[in-house]
Amino acid sequence: MQALTADARALAELIAVSEQPGLAGAAGAAVPELDRARLFAALQQLVTSRLLLSAADHYAFYQRGVAQVLRDAMSAQRWREVHACWPTC
């Protein structure tokens, strides 16, 4: 996960905090600083890194534990920022 771009990591953290499987598309829409190209680049990186599984227009973490690893790696400040942002970013 350390090789992820800042955009991909931010998107993965938001999906992990949202705790709703298959929500990557909606989570991406909730990250206003990501234009469409950056959103799709971040999603592509998460899929090619085998962190997200893509099925039609839904995405989910490959393994259930990935979300917990992402949440555990966040500082308390980052957790508050991401948690406060969802779902109204």
PDB file of N, CA and C in Angstrom:
ATOM      1  N   MET A   1       0.807  -1.189   0.000  1.00  0.00           N
ATOM      2  CA  MET A   1       0.000   0.000   0.000  1.00  0.00           C
ATOM      3  C   MET A   1       0.854   1.259   0.000  1.00  0.00           C
ATOM      4  N   GLN A   2       2.112   1.116   0.351  1.00  0.00           N
ATOM      5  CA  GLN A   2       2.991   2.282   0.405  1.00  0.00           C
ATOM      6  C   GLN A   2       3.279   2.844  -0.977  1.00  0.00           C
ATOM      7  N   ALA A   3       3.131   2.042  -2.018  1.00  0.00           N
ATOM      8  CA  ALA A   3       3.418   2.495  -3.375  1.00  0.00           C
ATOM      9  C   ALA A   3       2.234   3.212  -4.018  1.00  0.00           C
ATOM     10  N   LEU A   4       1.133   3.334  -3.305  1.00  0.00           N
ATOM     11  CA  LEU A   4      -0.043   3.993  -3.867  1.00  0.00           C
ATOM     12  C   LEU A   4       0.186   5.489  -4.013  1.00  0.00           C
ATOM     13  N   THR A   5      -0.422   6.067  -5.042  1.00  0.00           N
ATOM     14  CA  THR A   5      -0.401   7.517  -5.171  1.00  0.00           C
ATOM     15  C   THR A   5      -1.248   8.111  -4.049  1.00  0.00           C
ATOM     16  N   ALA A   6      -1.087   9.387  -3.815  1.00  0.00           N
ATOM     17  CA  ALA A   6      -1.872  10.060  -2.779  1.00  0.00           C
ATOM     18  C   ALA A   6      -3.368   9.964  -3.086  1.00  0.00           C
ATOM     19  N   ASP A   7      -3.723  10.092  -4.371  1.00  0.00           N
ATOM     20  CA  ASP A   7      -5.127   9.989  -4.763  1.00  0.00           C
ATOM     21  C   ASP A   7      -5.690   8.605  -4.459  1.00  0.00           C
ATOM     22  N   ALA A   8      -4.944   7.561  -4.815  1.00  0.00           N
ATOM     23  CA  ALA A   8      -5.409   6.189  -4.605  1.00  0.00           C
ATOM     24  C   ALA A   8      -5.527   5.890  -3.110  1.00  0.00           C
ATOM     25  N   ARG A   9      -4.567   6.349  -2.344  1.00  0.00           N
ATOM     26  CA  ARG A   9      -4.627   6.102  -0.897  1.00  0.00           C
ATOM     27  C   ARG A   9      -5.811   6.841  -0.268  1.00  0.00           C
ATOM     28  N   ALA A  10      -6.032   8.096  -0.668  1.00  0.00           N
ATOM     29  CA  ALA A  10      -7.160   8.860  -0.127  1.00  0.00           C
ATOM     30  C   ALA A  10      -8.481   8.174  -0.459  1.00  0.00           C
ATOM     31  N   LEU A  11      -8.609   7.693  -1.677  1.00  0.00           N
ATOM     32  CA  LEU A  11      -9.828   7.003  -2.081  1.00  0.00           C
ATOM     33  C   LEU A  11      -9.994   5.700  -1.302  1.00  0.00           C
ATOM     34  N   ALA A  12      -8.914   4.939  -1.150  1.00  0.00           N
ATOM     35  CA  ALA A  12      -8.979   3.682  -0.394  1.00  0.00           C
ATOM     36  C   ALA A  12      -9.353   3.942   1.059  1.00  0.00           C
ATOM     37  N   GLU A  13      -8.787   4.989   1.658  1.00  0.00           N
ATOM     38  CA  GLU A  13      -9.126   5.314   3.040  1.00  0.00           C
ATOM     39  C   GLU A  13     -10.601   5.687   3.167  1.00  0.00           C
ATOM     40  N   LEU A  14     -11.092   6.460   2.230  1.00  0.00           N
ATOM     41  CA  LEU A  14     -12.505   6.855   2.280  1.00  0.00           C
ATOM     42  C   LEU A  14     -13.420   5.643   2.149  1.00  0.00           C
ATOM     43  N   ILE A  15     -13.071   4.733   1.252  1.00  0.00           N
ATOM     44  CA  ILE A  15     -13.865   3.511   1.091  1.00  0.00           C
ATOM     45  C   ILE A  15     -13.799   2.681   2.372  1.00  0.00           C
ATOM     46  N   ALA A  16     -12.609   2.576   2.968  1.00  0.00           N
ATOM     47  CA  ALA A  16     -12.448   1.803   4.203  1.00  0.00           C
ATOM     48  C   ALA A  16     -13.266   2.400   5.341  1.00  0.00           C
ATOM     49  N   VAL A  17     -13.281   3.706   5.449  1.00  0.00           N
ATOM     50  CA  VAL A  17     -14.014   4.366   6.524  1.00  0.00           C
ATOM     51  C   VAL A  17     -15.519   4.284   6.302  1.00  0.00           C
ATOM     52  N   SER A  18     -15.934   4.292   5.031  1.00  0.00           N
ATOM     53  CA  SER A  18     -17.370   4.252   4.737  1.00  0.00           C
ATOM     54  C   SER A  18     -17.998   2.935   5.174  1.00  0.00           C
ATOM     55  N   GLU A  19     -17.178   1.866   5.240  1.00  0.00           N
ATOM     56  CA  GLU A  19     -17.623   0.555   5.698  1.00  0.00           C
ATOM     57  C   GLU A  19     -18.813   0.021   4.919  1.00  0.00           C
ATOM     58  N   GLN A  20     -18.938   0.409   3.664  1.00  0.00           N
ATOM     59  CA  GLN A  20     -20.025  -0.098   2.837  1.00  0.00           C
ATOM     60  C   GLN A  20     -19.427  -0.748   1.600  1.00  0.00           C
ATOM     61  N   PRO A  21     -19.479  -2.068   1.482  1.00  0.00           N
ATOM     62  CA  PRO A  21     -18.900  -2.762   0.339  1.00  0.00           C
ATOM     63  C   PRO A  21     -19.494  -2.275  -0.977  1.00  0.00           C
ATOM     64  N   GLY A  22     -18.670  -2.249  -1.991  1.00  0.00           N
ATOM     65  CA  GLY A  22     -19.134  -1.905  -3.322  1.00  0.00           C
ATOM     66  C   GLY A  22     -19.372  -0.423  -3.523  1.00  0.00           C
ATOM     67  N   LEU A  23     -18.835   0.404  -2.644  1.00  0.00           N
ATOM     68  CA  LEU A  23     -19.170   1.816  -2.648  1.00  0.00           C
ATOM     69  C   LEU A  23     -18.113   2.694  -3.298  1.00  0.00           C
ATOM     70  N   ALA A  24     -17.128   2.142  -3.948  1.00  0.00           N
ATOM     71  CA  ALA A  24     -16.026   2.948  -4.464  1.00  0.00           C
ATOM     72  C   ALA A  24     -16.478   4.057  -5.392  1.00  0.00           C
ATOM     73  N   GLY A  25     -17.427   3.793  -6.248  1.00  0.00           N
ATOM     74  CA  GLY A  25     -17.897   4.833  -7.155  1.00  0.00           C
ATOM     75  C   GLY A  25     -18.491   6.004  -6.418  1.00  0.00           C
ATOM     76  N   ALA A  26     -19.334   5.728  -5.449  1.00  0.00           N
ATOM     77  CA  ALA A  26     -19.944   6.802  -4.657  1.00  0.00           C
ATOM     78  C   ALA A  26     -18.898   7.495  -3.803  1.00  0.00           C
ATOM     79  N   ALA A  27     -17.968   6.736  -3.255  1.00  0.00           N
ATOM     80  CA  ALA A  27     -16.918   7.339  -2.449  1.00  0.00           C
ATOM     81  C   ALA A  27     -16.068   8.256  -3.306  1.00  0.00           C
ATOM     82  N   GLY A  28     -15.793   7.830  -4.525  1.00  0.00           N
ATOM     83  CA  GLY A  28     -15.020   8.664  -5.427  1.00  0.00           C
ATOM     84  C   GLY A  28     -15.719   9.969  -5.726  1.00  0.00           C
ATOM     85  N   ALA A  29     -17.023   9.919  -5.878  1.00  0.00           N
ATOM     86  CA  ALA A  29     -17.795  11.138  -6.126  1.00  0.00           C
ATOM     87  C   ALA A  29     -17.745  12.055  -4.919  1.00  0.00           C
ATOM     88  N   ALA A  30     -17.458  11.503  -3.760  1.00  0.00           N
ATOM     89  CA  ALA A  30     -17.408  12.291  -2.534  1.00  0.00           C
ATOM     90  C   ALA A  30     -16.043  12.904  -2.281  1.00  0.00           C
ATOM     91  N   VAL A  31     -15.111  12.731  -3.200  1.00  0.00           N
ATOM     92  CA  VAL A  31     -13.780  13.330  -3.070  1.00  0.00           C
ATOM     93  C   VAL A  31     -13.696  14.446  -4.107  1.00  0.00           C
ATOM     94  N   PRO A  32     -14.096  15.650  -3.734  1.00  0.00           N
ATOM     95  CA  PRO A  32     -14.232  16.723  -4.720  1.00  0.00           C
ATOM     96  C   PRO A  32     -12.936  17.125  -5.411  1.00  0.00           C
ATOM     97  N   GLU A  33     -11.800  16.909  -4.755  1.00  0.00           N
ATOM     98  CA  GLU A  33     -10.544  17.303  -5.392  1.00  0.00           C
ATOM     99  C   GLU A  33     -10.127  16.365  -6.515  1.00  0.00           C
ATOM    100  N   LEU A  34     -10.807  15.232  -6.648  1.00  0.00           N
ATOM    101  CA  LEU A  34     -10.490  14.298  -7.732  1.00  0.00           C
ATOM    102  C   LEU A  34     -11.424  14.536  -8.908  1.00  0.00           C
ATOM    103  N   ASP A  35     -10.855  15.027 -10.003  1.00  0.00           N
ATOM    104  CA  ASP A  35     -11.675  15.121 -11.203  1.00  0.00           C
ATOM    105  C   ASP A  35     -11.847  13.708 -11.749  1.00  0.00           C
ATOM    106  N   ARG A  36     -12.628  13.573 -12.777  1.00  0.00           N
ATOM    107  CA  ARG A  36     -12.958  12.246 -13.316  1.00  0.00           C
ATOM    108  C   ARG A  36     -11.714  11.455 -13.712  1.00  0.00           C
ATOM    109  N   ALA A  37     -10.761  12.101 -14.351  1.00  0.00           N
ATOM    110  CA  ALA A  37      -9.541  11.403 -14.786  1.00  0.00           C
ATOM    111  C   ALA A  37      -8.733  10.906 -13.592  1.00  0.00           C
ATOM    112  N   ARG A  38      -8.603  11.736 -12.577  1.00  0.00           N
ATOM    113  CA  ARG A  38      -7.845  11.331 -11.383  1.00  0.00           C
ATOM    114  C   ARG A  38      -8.573  10.242 -10.616  1.00  0.00           C
ATOM    115  N   LEU A  39      -9.903  10.325 -10.559  1.00  0.00           N
ATOM    116  CA  LEU A  39     -10.685   9.288  -9.898  1.00  0.00           C
ATOM    117  C   LEU A  39     -10.479   7.941 -10.572  1.00  0.00           C
ATOM    118  N   PHE A  40     -10.590   7.915 -11.894  1.00  0.00           N
ATOM    119  CA  PHE A  40     -10.421   6.650 -12.603  1.00  0.00           C
ATOM    120  C   PHE A  40      -8.983   6.143 -12.521  1.00  0.00           C
ATOM    121  N   ALA A  41      -8.011   7.052 -12.508  1.00  0.00           N
ATOM    122  CA  ALA A  41      -6.615   6.633 -12.337  1.00  0.00           C
ATOM    123  C   ALA A  41      -6.417   6.009 -10.959  1.00  0.00           C
ATOM    124  N   ALA A  42      -7.013   6.608  -9.929  1.00  0.00           N
ATOM    125  CA  ALA A  42      -6.905   6.062  -8.576  1.00  0.00           C
ATOM    126  C   ALA A  42      -7.589   4.699  -8.489  1.00  0.00           C
ATOM    127  N   LEU A  43      -8.790   4.587  -9.056  1.00  0.00           N
ATOM    128  CA  LEU A  43      -9.482   3.293  -9.068  1.00  0.00           C
ATOM    129  C   LEU A  43      -8.665   2.241  -9.811  1.00  0.00           C
ATOM    130  N   GLN A  44      -8.105   2.626 -10.962  1.00  0.00           N
ATOM    131  CA  GLN A  44      -7.296   1.687 -11.743  1.00  0.00           C
ATOM    132  C   GLN A  44      -6.093   1.209 -10.936  1.00  0.00           C
ATOM    133  N   GLN A  45      -5.444   2.130 -10.233  1.00  0.00           N
ATOM    134  CA  GLN A  45      -4.295   1.721  -9.428  1.00  0.00           C
ATOM    135  C   GLN A  45      -4.717   0.772  -8.309  1.00  0.00           C
ATOM    136  N   LEU A  46      -5.837   1.041  -7.676  1.00  0.00           N
ATOM    137  CA  LEU A  46      -6.311   0.159  -6.607  1.00  0.00           C
ATOM    138  C   LEU A  46      -6.679  -1.221  -7.135  1.00  0.00           C
ATOM    139  N   VAL A  47      -7.219  -1.279  -8.346  1.00  0.00           N
ATOM    140  CA  VAL A  47      -7.561  -2.573  -8.961  1.00  0.00           C
ATOM    141  C   VAL A  47      -6.288  -3.305  -9.387  1.00  0.00           C
ATOM    142  N   THR A  48      -5.382  -2.626 -10.058  1.00  0.00           N
ATOM    143  CA  THR A  48      -4.161  -3.307 -10.518  1.00  0.00           C
ATOM    144  C   THR A  48      -3.261  -3.690  -9.354  1.00  0.00           C
ATOM    145  N   SER A  49      -3.367  -2.975  -8.237  1.00  0.00           N
ATOM    146  CA  SER A  49      -2.603  -3.334  -7.036  1.00  0.00           C
ATOM    147  C   SER A  49      -3.269  -4.462  -6.260  1.00  0.00           C
ATOM    148  N   ARG A  50      -4.413  -4.904  -6.775  1.00  0.00           N
ATOM    149  CA  ARG A  50      -5.179  -5.998  -6.178  1.00  0.00           C
ATOM    150  C   ARG A  50      -5.704  -5.671  -4.781  1.00  0.00           C
ATOM    151  N   LEU A  51      -5.996  -4.386  -4.580  1.00  0.00           N
ATOM    152  CA  LEU A  51      -6.644  -3.980  -3.340  1.00  0.00           C
ATOM    153  C   LEU A  51      -8.156  -3.943  -3.529  1.00  0.00           C
ATOM    154  N   LEU A  52      -8.588  -3.511  -4.723  1.00  0.00           N
ATOM    155  CA  LEU A  52     -10.012  -3.487  -5.039  1.00  0.00           C
ATOM    156  C   LEU A  52     -10.316  -4.498  -6.130  1.00  0.00           C
ATOM    157  N   LEU A  53     -11.483  -5.054  -6.047  1.00  0.00           N
ATOM    158  CA  LEU A  53     -12.015  -5.959  -7.050  1.00  0.00           C
ATOM    159  C   LEU A  53     -13.068  -5.182  -7.823  1.00  0.00           C
ATOM    160  N   SER A  54     -12.989  -5.229  -9.132  1.00  0.00           N
ATOM    161  CA  SER A  54     -13.941  -4.517  -9.979  1.00  0.00           C
ATOM    162  C   SER A  54     -14.930  -5.505 -10.579  1.00  0.00           C
ATOM    163  N   ALA A  55     -16.211  -5.193 -10.436  1.00  0.00           N
ATOM    164  CA  ALA A  55     -17.274  -6.003 -11.029  1.00  0.00           C
ATOM    165  C   ALA A  55     -18.326  -5.039 -11.561  1.00  0.00           C
ATOM    166  N   ALA A  56     -18.383  -4.916 -12.877  1.00  0.00           N
ATOM    167  CA  ALA A  56     -19.290  -3.960 -13.531  1.00  0.00           C
ATOM    168  C   ALA A  56     -18.989  -2.564 -13.003  1.00  0.00           C
ATOM    169  N   ASP A  57     -19.942  -1.914 -12.361  1.00  0.00           N
ATOM    170  CA  ASP A  57     -19.694  -0.563 -11.854  1.00  0.00           C
ATOM    171  C   ASP A  57     -19.520  -0.534 -10.334  1.00  0.00           C
ATOM    172  N   HIS A  58     -19.254  -1.694  -9.742  1.00  0.00           N
ATOM    173  CA  HIS A  58     -19.034  -1.777  -8.298  1.00  0.00           C
ATOM    174  C   HIS A  58     -17.591  -2.185  -8.022  1.00  0.00           C
ATOM    175  N   TYR A  59     -17.098  -1.732  -6.899  1.00  0.00           N
ATOM    176  CA  TYR A  59     -15.763  -2.091  -6.438  1.00  0.00           C
ATOM    177  C   TYR A  59     -15.868  -2.525  -4.987  1.00  0.00           C
ATOM    178  N   ALA A  60     -15.020  -3.445  -4.611  1.00  0.00           N
ATOM    179  CA  ALA A  60     -14.956  -3.882  -3.217  1.00  0.00           C
ATOM    180  C   ALA A  60     -13.522  -4.303  -2.930  1.00  0.00           C
ATOM    181  N   PHE A  61     -13.147  -4.288  -1.669  1.00  0.00           N
ATOM    182  CA  PHE A  61     -11.812  -4.748  -1.317  1.00  0.00           C
ATOM    183  C   PHE A  61     -11.700  -6.234  -1.610  1.00  0.00           C
ATOM    184  N   TYR A  62     -10.539  -6.643  -2.149  1.00  0.00           N
ATOM    185  CA  TYR A  62     -10.300  -8.061  -2.442  1.00  0.00           C
ATOM    186  C   TYR A  62     -10.448  -8.900  -1.187  1.00  0.00           C
ATOM    187  N   GLN A  63      -9.896  -8.402  -0.101  1.00  0.00           N
ATOM    188  CA  GLN A  63      -9.948  -9.148   1.152  1.00  0.00           C
ATOM    189  C   GLN A  63     -10.585  -8.276   2.219  1.00  0.00           C
ATOM    190  N   ARG A  64     -11.396  -8.870   3.025  1.00  0.00           N
ATOM    191  CA  ARG A  64     -12.123  -8.147   4.062  1.00  0.00           C
ATOM    192  C   ARG A  64     -11.180  -7.383   4.988  1.00  0.00           C
ATOM    193  N   GLY A  65     -10.026  -7.927   5.268  1.00  0.00           N
ATOM    194  CA  GLY A  65      -9.091  -7.309   6.204  1.00  0.00           C
ATOM    195  C   GLY A  65      -8.400  -6.059   5.695  1.00  0.00           C
ATOM    196  N   VAL A  66      -8.449  -5.800   4.403  1.00  0.00           N
ATOM    197  CA  VAL A  66      -7.768  -4.633   3.840  1.00  0.00           C
ATOM    198  C   VAL A  66      -8.320  -3.341   4.424  1.00  0.00           C
ATOM    199  N   ALA A  67      -9.621  -3.241   4.546  1.00  0.00           N
ATOM    200  CA  ALA A  67     -10.231  -2.034   5.109  1.00  0.00           C
ATOM    201  C   ALA A  67      -9.737  -1.796   6.529  1.00  0.00           C
ATOM    202  N   GLN A  68      -9.653  -2.857   7.311  1.00  0.00           N
ATOM    203  CA  GLN A  68      -9.181  -2.714   8.694  1.00  0.00           C
ATOM    204  C   GLN A  68      -7.718  -2.285   8.728  1.00  0.00           C
ATOM    205  N   VAL A  69      -6.898  -2.833   7.852  1.00  0.00           N
ATOM    206  CA  VAL A  69      -5.484  -2.438   7.785  1.00  0.00           C
ATOM    207  C   VAL A  69      -5.372  -0.954   7.465  1.00  0.00           C
ATOM    208  N   LEU A  70      -6.165  -0.484   6.502  1.00  0.00           N
ATOM    209  CA  LEU A  70      -6.152   0.935   6.155  1.00  0.00           C
ATOM    210  C   LEU A  70      -6.600   1.796   7.329  1.00  0.00           C
ATOM    211  N   ARG A  71      -7.660   1.392   7.995  1.00  0.00           N
ATOM    212  CA  ARG A  71      -8.142   2.163   9.150  1.00  0.00           C
ATOM    213  C   ARG A  71      -7.111   2.187  10.263  1.00  0.00           C
ATOM    214  N   ASP A  72      -6.475   1.045  10.524  1.00  0.00           N
ATOM    215  CA  ASP A  72      -5.474   0.969  11.589  1.00  0.00           C
ATOM    216  C   ASP A  72      -4.238   1.822  11.281  1.00  0.00           C
ATOM    217  N   ALA A  73      -3.928   1.989   9.997  1.00  0.00           N
ATOM    218  CA  ALA A  73      -2.738   2.752   9.601  1.00  0.00           C
ATOM    219  C   ALA A  73      -2.954   4.260   9.654  1.00  0.00           C
ATOM    220  N   MET A  74      -4.209   4.691   9.743  1.00  0.00           N
ATOM    221  CA  MET A  74      -4.500   6.122   9.771  1.00  0.00           C
ATOM    222  C   MET A  74      -4.200   6.711  11.148  1.00  0.00           C
ATOM    223  N   SER A  75      -3.626   7.892  11.134  1.00  0.00           N
ATOM    224  CA  SER A  75      -3.448   8.607  12.388  1.00  0.00           C
ATOM    225  C   SER A  75      -4.834   9.013  12.902  1.00  0.00           C
ATOM    226  N   ALA A  76      -4.907   9.375  14.161  1.00  0.00           N
ATOM    227  CA  ALA A  76      -6.184   9.807  14.730  1.00  0.00           C
ATOM    228  C   ALA A  76      -6.706  11.036  13.987  1.00  0.00           C
ATOM    229  N   GLN A  77      -5.806  11.943  13.644  1.00  0.00           N
ATOM    230  CA  GLN A  77      -6.204  13.145  12.915  1.00  0.00           C
ATOM    231  C   GLN A  77      -6.757  12.786  11.537  1.00  0.00           C
ATOM    232  N   ARG A  78      -6.067  11.906  10.822  1.00  0.00           N
ATOM    233  CA  ARG A  78      -6.524  11.505   9.490  1.00  0.00           C
ATOM    234  C   ARG A  78      -7.866  10.794   9.585  1.00  0.00           C
ATOM    235  N   TRP A  79      -8.031   9.936  10.589  1.00  0.00           N
ATOM    236  CA  TRP A  79      -9.307   9.233  10.794  1.00  0.00           C
ATOM    237  C   TRP A  79     -10.439  10.242  10.935  1.00  0.00           C
ATOM    238  N   ARG A  80     -10.227  11.264  11.769  1.00  0.00           N
ATOM    239  CA  ARG A  80     -11.267  12.279  11.975  1.00  0.00           C
ATOM    240  C   ARG A  80     -11.570  13.024  10.681  1.00  0.00           C
ATOM    241  N   GLU A  81     -10.527  13.376   9.919  1.00  0.00           N
ATOM    242  CA  GLU A  81     -10.724  14.089   8.650  1.00  0.00           C
ATOM    243  C   GLU A  81     -11.546  13.259   7.671  1.00  0.00           C
ATOM    244  N   VAL A  82     -11.153  12.014   7.489  1.00  0.00           N
ATOM    245  CA  VAL A  82     -11.838  11.159   6.523  1.00  0.00           C
ATOM    246  C   VAL A  82     -13.245  10.824   7.004  1.00  0.00           C
ATOM    247  N   HIS A  83     -13.381  10.521   8.265  1.00  0.00           N
ATOM    248  CA  HIS A  83     -14.685  10.157   8.811  1.00  0.00           C
ATOM    249  C   HIS A  83     -15.645  11.344   8.751  1.00  0.00           C
ATOM    250  N   ALA A  84     -15.155  12.526   9.050  1.00  0.00           N
ATOM    251  CA  ALA A  84     -16.000  13.728   9.006  1.00  0.00           C
ATOM    252  C   ALA A  84     -16.418  14.053   7.578  1.00  0.00           C
ATOM    253  N   CYS A  85     -15.574  13.704   6.645  1.00  0.00           N
ATOM    254  CA  CYS A  85     -15.836  14.010   5.229  1.00  0.00           C
ATOM    255  C   CYS A  85     -16.939  13.139   4.668  1.00  0.00           C
ATOM    256  N   TRP A  86     -17.037  11.891   5.073  1.00  0.00           N
ATOM    257  CA  TRP A  86     -17.993  10.966   4.498  1.00  0.00           C
ATOM    258  C   TRP A  86     -19.357  11.177   5.130  1.00  0.00           C
ATOM    259  N   PRO A  87     -20.440  11.245   4.467  1.00  0.00           N
ATOM    260  CA  PRO A  87     -20.619  11.129   3.031  1.00  0.00           C
ATOM    261  C   PRO A  87     -20.815  12.483   2.331  1.00  0.00           C
ATOM    262  N   THR A  88     -20.429  13.557   2.967  1.00  0.00           N
ATOM    263  CA  THR A  88     -20.751  14.865   2.397  1.00  0.00           C
ATOM    264  C   THR A  88     -19.573  15.585   1.783  1.00  0.00           C
ATOM    265  N   CYS A  89     -18.456  14.940   1.566  1.00  0.00           N
ATOM    266  CA  CYS A  89     -17.268  15.614   1.016  1.00  0.00           C
ATOM    267  C   CYS A  89     -17.626  16.368  -0.264  1.00  0.00           C
TER     268      CYS A  89
END
